[in-house]
Amino acid sequence: MKTISVRFSLALLSLISLPACAALNVFATVPEWGALAREIGGEQVRVYTATTAFQDPHRIEAKPSLLAQARQANLVVAAGADLEVGWLPLVLRDSGNSAIQAGRPGYFEAASFVNRLEVPSVLDRSHGDVHAAGNPHIHLDPRNVLKVGEALSSRMAELDVANAAVYKAGFRAFAGKWQTAMARWEREAAPLRGMPVVVHHSSFLYLAHWLGLKEVSTLEPKPGVEPSSGHLRGLLALQQTTPARMVLRTAYNQDGPSQWLAGKSGIPAVLLPYTVGGTPEAKDLFGLFDDTVQRLLKAAR
């Protein structure tokens, strides 16, 4: 009974926190782009986020609750680059909402506005769960967040002409604060440049590219394939010749493999928030990067 009461209270709180007269209903597939829409739109947007930091965005069930939210949306904000290919097309199709179908103004893919990394020259399923359009985890380079924000504010202005000036002003205010924060993060993270790391999945490619971290191996033998004991023993042996300083994982990755390698090799296993809500400190986009940099610096000491 207590659990039901808590859930009811949280649901009521979330309803109360919605803007009373939001002009634009936004369906964001992942927390980072939902947070960006709130930064830009403020009280003019009602944002529903389909996943949390504790769910693998590659693998979500297209539940009726998602269809109901998509049916009401004026704008879908997706990561793109096939991150949501396993569930979002079903949600869009079965929502019956023609305004948010791919190719319409009500459909926005963040990955379309940045330079993507790891775009394969050859597609072969034997290489694992490889994304044809490149690595989709673009949000962990804050320079990409700025590019996506500019494009998103224009799209919001296009869909809600009456509040176009609000969205443009919201982006300008966000961009000013973001550029100041980026300079601070880069200054603080300077000691991390060139540091070798092991990652669970290729989720941190853009973070490594931005900060100059060096990914020396992954716990997954292939993208989307959980590590076997034989693969982990191989990574432990690799530590003798190519030592890493830490093992990185997201909140939705299993912690067993990173804890095993860390325990055997004597390096720290580090949970990074990966997205908004991934740790208590990552309450918004600024908290996401504040906490990411601080956790990396603490592990490197």
Protein backbone atom coordinates (compact mmCIF):
# COMPACT_ATOMS: atom_id res chain seq x y z
CA MET A 1 0.00 0.00 0.00
CA LYS A 2 2.87 2.33 0.84
CA THR A 3 4.47 1.68 -2.58
CA ILE A 4 1.18 2.46 -4.36
CA SER A 5 0.84 5.64 -2.35
CA VAL A 6 4.36 6.77 -3.26
CA ARG A 7 3.78 6.04 -6.94
CA PHE A 8 0.49 7.93 -6.87
CA SER A 9 2.19 10.89 -5.22
CA LEU A 10 4.98 10.92 -7.80
CA ALA A 11 2.48 10.71 -10.66
CA LEU A 12 0.47 13.56 -9.16
CA LEU A 13 3.65 15.59 -8.69
CA SER A 14 4.63 15.06 -12.34
CA LEU A 15 1.21 16.25 -13.48
CA ILE A 16 1.39 19.29 -11.25
CA SER A 17 4.82 20.17 -12.69
CA LEU A 18 3.48 20.26 -16.27
CA PRO A 19 2.94 23.72 -17.70
CA ALA A 20 -0.76 24.54 -17.49
CA CYS A 21 -0.97 25.97 -21.03
CA ALA A 22 1.97 24.42 -22.90
CA ALA A 23 1.89 25.34 -26.58
CA LEU A 24 3.99 22.44 -27.85
CA ASN A 25 3.75 18.77 -26.83
CA VAL A 26 7.18 17.16 -27.19
CA PHE A 27 7.80 13.40 -27.20
CA ALA A 28 11.52 12.88 -26.51
CA THR A 29 12.91 9.38 -26.92
CA VAL A 30 15.78 9.83 -24.46
CA PRO A 31 16.36 12.04 -21.38
CA GLU A 32 19.10 14.26 -22.85
CA TRP A 33 16.94 15.57 -25.69
CA GLY A 34 13.94 15.98 -23.43
CA ALA A 35 16.10 18.10 -21.14
CA LEU A 36 17.30 20.20 -24.07
CA ALA A 37 13.71 20.84 -25.22
CA ARG A 38 12.89 22.09 -21.70
CA GLU A 39 15.93 24.37 -21.69
CA ILE A 40 14.80 25.96 -24.95
CA GLY A 41 11.03 25.95 -24.54
CA GLY A 42 10.59 26.56 -20.82
CA GLU A 43 6.93 27.01 -19.93
CA GLN A 44 5.87 26.83 -23.56
CA VAL A 45 6.56 23.08 -23.86
CA ARG A 46 5.19 19.95 -22.27
CA VAL A 47 7.89 17.28 -22.53
CA TYR A 48 7.29 13.55 -22.22
CA THR A 49 10.44 11.39 -22.12
CA ALA A 50 9.99 7.81 -23.29
CA THR A 51 13.02 6.28 -21.54
CA THR A 52 15.08 6.77 -18.39
CA ALA A 53 18.81 6.63 -17.74
CA PHE A 54 18.34 3.12 -16.41
CA GLN A 55 16.98 1.72 -19.66
CA ASP A 56 19.01 0.74 -22.71
CA PRO A 57 17.54 3.02 -25.40
CA HIS A 58 18.35 0.41 -28.05
CA ARG A 59 15.89 -2.03 -26.49
CA ILE A 60 12.54 -0.60 -25.43
CA GLU A 61 9.11 -2.19 -25.74
CA ALA A 62 6.63 -0.18 -27.83
CA LYS A 63 4.02 -0.17 -25.05
CA PRO A 64 0.50 1.33 -25.31
CA SER A 65 1.53 4.10 -22.90
CA LEU A 66 4.13 5.27 -25.45
CA LEU A 67 1.56 5.19 -28.27
CA ALA A 68 -0.82 7.32 -26.19
CA GLN A 69 1.87 9.95 -25.61
CA ALA A 70 2.99 9.93 -29.25
CA ARG A 71 -0.63 10.38 -30.36
CA GLN A 72 -0.77 13.73 -28.50
CA ALA A 73 2.65 15.00 -29.62
CA ASN A 74 3.34 17.92 -31.94
CA LEU A 75 7.05 17.08 -32.10
CA VAL A 76 9.09 13.88 -31.69
CA VAL A 77 12.73 14.48 -30.75
CA ALA A 78 14.78 11.35 -31.39
CA ALA A 79 18.51 10.63 -31.18
CA GLY A 80 18.41 9.04 -34.64
CA ALA A 81 21.25 7.14 -36.32
CA ASP A 82 19.17 3.99 -35.67
CA LEU A 83 19.45 4.22 -31.87
CA GLU A 84 15.67 3.72 -31.55
CA VAL A 85 15.23 1.57 -34.66
CA GLY A 86 13.92 -1.36 -32.62
CA TRP A 87 10.88 0.46 -31.22
CA LEU A 88 10.30 4.03 -32.40
CA PRO A 89 9.06 3.16 -35.94
CA LEU A 90 6.36 0.98 -34.34
CA VAL A 91 5.36 3.76 -31.95
CA LEU A 92 5.13 6.29 -34.79
CA ARG A 93 3.17 3.97 -37.05
CA ASP A 94 0.68 2.84 -34.43
CA SER A 95 0.21 6.30 -32.92
CA GLY A 96 -1.98 7.30 -35.86
CA ASN A 97 -0.42 10.78 -35.68
CA SER A 98 0.50 11.85 -39.21
CA ALA A 99 2.27 15.02 -38.04
CA ILE A 100 5.16 13.18 -36.35
CA GLN A 101 6.02 10.65 -39.04
CA ALA A 102 9.61 10.57 -40.37
CA GLY A 103 10.13 13.29 -42.94
CA ARG A 104 7.43 15.57 -41.50
CA PRO A 105 8.27 18.80 -39.57
CA GLY A 106 7.04 17.09 -36.40
CA TYR A 107 9.86 14.56 -36.55
CA PHE A 108 13.36 15.67 -35.50
CA GLU A 109 16.54 13.53 -35.38
CA ALA A 110 19.42 15.03 -33.39
CA ALA A 111 22.10 12.95 -35.12
CA SER A 112 21.27 14.61 -38.44
CA PHE A 113 22.85 17.87 -37.28
CA VAL A 114 26.33 16.72 -36.21
CA ASN A 115 29.32 14.91 -37.65
CA ARG A 116 28.90 11.26 -36.64
CA LEU A 117 31.78 9.00 -35.69
CA GLU A 118 32.23 5.26 -36.40
CA VAL A 119 30.28 5.29 -39.65
CA PRO A 120 30.99 1.79 -41.03
CA SER A 121 32.35 1.41 -44.55
CA VAL A 122 30.89 -2.11 -44.74
CA LEU A 123 27.75 -3.43 -43.02
CA ASP A 124 28.03 -6.99 -41.77
CA ARG A 125 25.83 -8.47 -39.01
CA SER A 126 28.74 -10.70 -38.00
CA HIS A 127 30.31 -7.53 -36.58
CA GLY A 128 27.48 -7.23 -34.04
CA ASP A 129 24.84 -4.52 -33.54
CA VAL A 130 26.55 -1.95 -35.75
CA HIS A 131 24.70 1.27 -36.65
CA ALA A 132 24.75 1.99 -40.38
CA ALA A 133 24.55 5.76 -39.79
CA GLY A 134 27.39 5.80 -37.27
CA ASN A 135 27.62 5.88 -33.49
CA PRO A 136 24.37 7.44 -32.18
CA HIS A 137 25.57 8.53 -28.71
CA ILE A 138 26.32 12.04 -29.92
CA HIS A 139 25.15 13.94 -26.83
CA LEU A 140 28.29 13.22 -24.80
CA ASP A 141 30.20 15.82 -26.78
CA PRO A 142 28.73 19.12 -25.50
CA ARG A 143 29.63 20.83 -28.77
CA ASN A 144 27.07 18.54 -30.40
CA VAL A 145 24.44 19.58 -27.85
CA LEU A 146 24.94 23.17 -28.95
CA LYS A 147 24.47 22.28 -32.64
CA VAL A 148 21.39 20.21 -31.93
CA GLY A 149 19.97 22.96 -29.72
CA GLU A 150 20.22 25.54 -32.48
CA ALA A 151 18.45 23.24 -34.96
CA LEU A 152 15.83 22.22 -32.41
CA SER A 153 14.96 25.80 -31.52
CA SER A 154 14.39 26.52 -35.22
CA ARG A 155 12.13 23.48 -35.55
CA MET A 156 10.14 24.46 -32.48
CA ALA A 157 9.73 27.97 -33.88
CA GLU A 158 8.55 26.52 -37.19
CA LEU A 159 5.90 24.38 -35.49
CA ASP A 160 4.72 27.03 -33.03
CA VAL A 161 5.03 30.33 -34.90
CA ALA A 162 3.24 32.30 -32.20
CA ASN A 163 6.06 31.52 -29.74
CA ALA A 164 8.96 31.56 -32.21
CA ALA A 165 10.66 34.45 -30.42
CA VAL A 166 10.44 32.57 -27.11
CA TYR A 167 12.25 29.52 -28.52
CA LYS A 168 14.96 31.64 -30.16
CA ALA A 169 15.52 33.58 -26.93
CA GLY A 170 15.51 30.34 -24.93
CA PHE A 171 18.25 28.90 -27.10
CA ARG A 172 20.36 32.06 -26.93
CA ALA A 173 20.19 32.06 -23.15
CA PHE A 174 21.04 28.36 -23.00
CA ALA A 175 23.91 28.71 -25.49
CA GLY A 176 25.52 31.49 -23.48
CA LYS A 177 25.50 29.46 -20.27
CA TRP A 178 26.56 26.30 -22.13
CA GLN A 179 29.61 27.89 -23.76
CA THR A 180 30.80 29.20 -20.39
CA ALA A 181 30.31 25.77 -18.84
CA MET A 182 32.12 24.02 -21.72
CA ALA A 183 35.19 26.18 -21.21
CA ARG A 184 35.19 25.26 -17.50
CA TRP A 185 34.70 21.53 -18.16
CA GLU A 186 37.55 21.50 -20.70
CA ARG A 187 39.85 23.34 -18.28
CA GLU A 188 39.05 20.99 -15.40
CA ALA A 189 39.35 17.85 -17.56
CA ALA A 190 42.72 18.75 -19.09
CA PRO A 191 44.59 16.14 -16.93
CA LEU A 192 42.45 13.40 -18.53
CA ARG A 193 43.81 13.97 -22.04
CA GLY A 194 45.46 10.82 -23.42
CA MET A 195 44.27 8.66 -20.51
CA PRO A 196 43.60 5.03 -21.61
CA VAL A 197 40.21 3.61 -20.63
CA VAL A 198 38.15 0.44 -21.11
CA VAL A 199 34.45 0.93 -21.87
CA HIS A 200 31.56 -1.51 -21.52
CA HIS A 201 29.87 -0.45 -24.78
CA SER A 202 30.82 2.19 -27.31
CA SER A 203 28.57 4.66 -25.44
CA PHE A 204 31.35 7.11 -24.59
CA LEU A 205 32.97 7.54 -28.01
CA TYR A 206 32.01 11.22 -28.33
CA LEU A 207 33.00 11.94 -24.72
CA ALA A 208 36.42 10.38 -25.40
CA HIS A 209 36.73 12.33 -28.64
CA TRP A 210 35.96 15.61 -26.85
CA LEU A 211 38.18 15.09 -23.79
CA GLY A 212 41.01 13.21 -25.53
CA LEU A 213 40.47 9.95 -23.64
CA LYS A 214 41.91 6.88 -25.35
CA GLU A 215 39.58 3.87 -25.60
CA VAL A 216 41.87 0.84 -25.62
CA SER A 217 39.22 -1.91 -25.49
CA THR A 218 35.54 -2.70 -24.86
CA LEU A 219 34.00 -5.24 -22.52
CA GLU A 220 31.57 -6.23 -25.27
CA PRO A 221 33.38 -8.43 -27.81
CA LYS A 222 31.02 -6.98 -30.45
CA PRO A 223 28.49 -4.13 -30.15
CA GLY A 224 25.39 -5.38 -28.32
CA VAL A 225 27.00 -8.71 -27.30
CA GLU A 226 27.56 -9.15 -23.56
CA PRO A 227 31.11 -10.11 -22.56
CA SER A 228 32.00 -13.77 -22.15
CA SER A 229 34.40 -15.03 -19.49
CA GLY A 230 36.94 -15.82 -22.20
CA HIS A 231 36.77 -12.28 -23.58
CA LEU A 232 37.22 -10.81 -20.10
CA ARG A 233 40.26 -12.99 -19.46
CA GLY A 234 41.68 -11.69 -22.75
CA LEU A 235 41.15 -8.09 -21.62
CA LEU A 236 42.88 -8.88 -18.31
CA ALA A 237 45.88 -10.22 -20.22
CA LEU A 238 45.83 -7.08 -22.39
CA GLN A 239 46.32 -5.01 -19.26
CA GLN A 240 49.89 -6.32 -19.12
CA THR A 241 50.83 -4.75 -22.46
CA THR A 242 48.22 -1.99 -22.93
CA PRO A 243 47.17 -0.92 -19.45
CA ALA A 244 44.00 1.11 -18.97
CA ARG A 245 43.45 3.46 -16.01
CA MET A 246 39.73 2.79 -15.45
CA VAL A 247 36.66 0.88 -16.71
CA LEU A 248 33.62 2.97 -17.71
CA ARG A 249 29.96 1.93 -17.82
CA THR A 250 26.52 3.51 -17.90
CA ALA A 251 23.77 3.11 -15.30
CA TYR A 252 21.98 0.63 -17.57
CA ASN A 253 25.00 -1.60 -18.23
CA GLN A 254 25.41 -4.66 -16.01
CA ASP A 255 28.06 -3.90 -13.41
CA GLY A 256 29.43 -7.47 -13.12
CA PRO A 257 31.90 -7.41 -16.04
CA SER A 258 33.42 -4.02 -15.16
CA GLN A 259 33.66 -4.98 -11.48
CA TRP A 260 35.38 -8.26 -12.40
CA LEU A 261 38.01 -6.59 -14.59
CA ALA A 262 38.54 -3.82 -12.04
CA GLY A 263 38.97 -6.30 -9.21
CA LYS A 264 41.45 -8.45 -11.12
CA SER A 265 43.49 -5.60 -12.57
CA GLY A 266 43.40 -3.12 -9.69
CA ILE A 267 41.90 -0.23 -11.67
CA PRO A 268 38.67 1.56 -10.70
CA ALA A 269 35.28 0.69 -12.21
CA VAL A 270 33.51 3.99 -12.85
CA LEU A 271 29.79 4.51 -13.35
CA LEU A 272 29.18 7.63 -15.44
CA PRO A 273 25.69 9.16 -15.64
CA TYR A 274 25.66 8.89 -19.46
CA THR A 275 22.43 10.93 -19.59
CA VAL A 276 20.24 13.14 -17.43
CA GLY A 277 19.11 11.16 -14.39
CA GLY A 278 21.92 8.59 -14.57
CA THR A 279 23.23 9.71 -11.16
CA PRO A 280 21.68 11.86 -8.42
CA GLU A 281 23.94 14.74 -9.46
CA ALA A 282 22.96 14.63 -13.16
CA LYS A 283 19.64 16.41 -12.69
CA ASP A 284 19.90 18.35 -15.95
CA LEU A 285 22.30 18.73 -18.88
CA PHE A 286 24.71 20.89 -16.87
CA GLY A 287 24.69 18.38 -14.02
CA LEU A 288 25.33 15.57 -16.51
CA PHE A 289 28.64 17.05 -17.62
CA ASP A 290 29.59 18.43 -14.19
CA ASP A 291 29.25 14.97 -12.68
CA THR A 292 30.88 13.14 -15.61
CA VAL A 293 34.02 15.28 -15.41
CA GLN A 294 34.24 15.05 -11.61
CA ARG A 295 33.81 11.25 -11.58
CA LEU A 296 36.56 10.85 -14.19
CA LEU A 297 38.92 13.14 -12.29
CA LYS A 298 38.26 11.31 -9.00
CA ALA A 299 38.99 7.93 -10.62
CA ALA A 300 42.20 9.26 -12.19
CA ARG A 301 43.73 10.37 -8.87
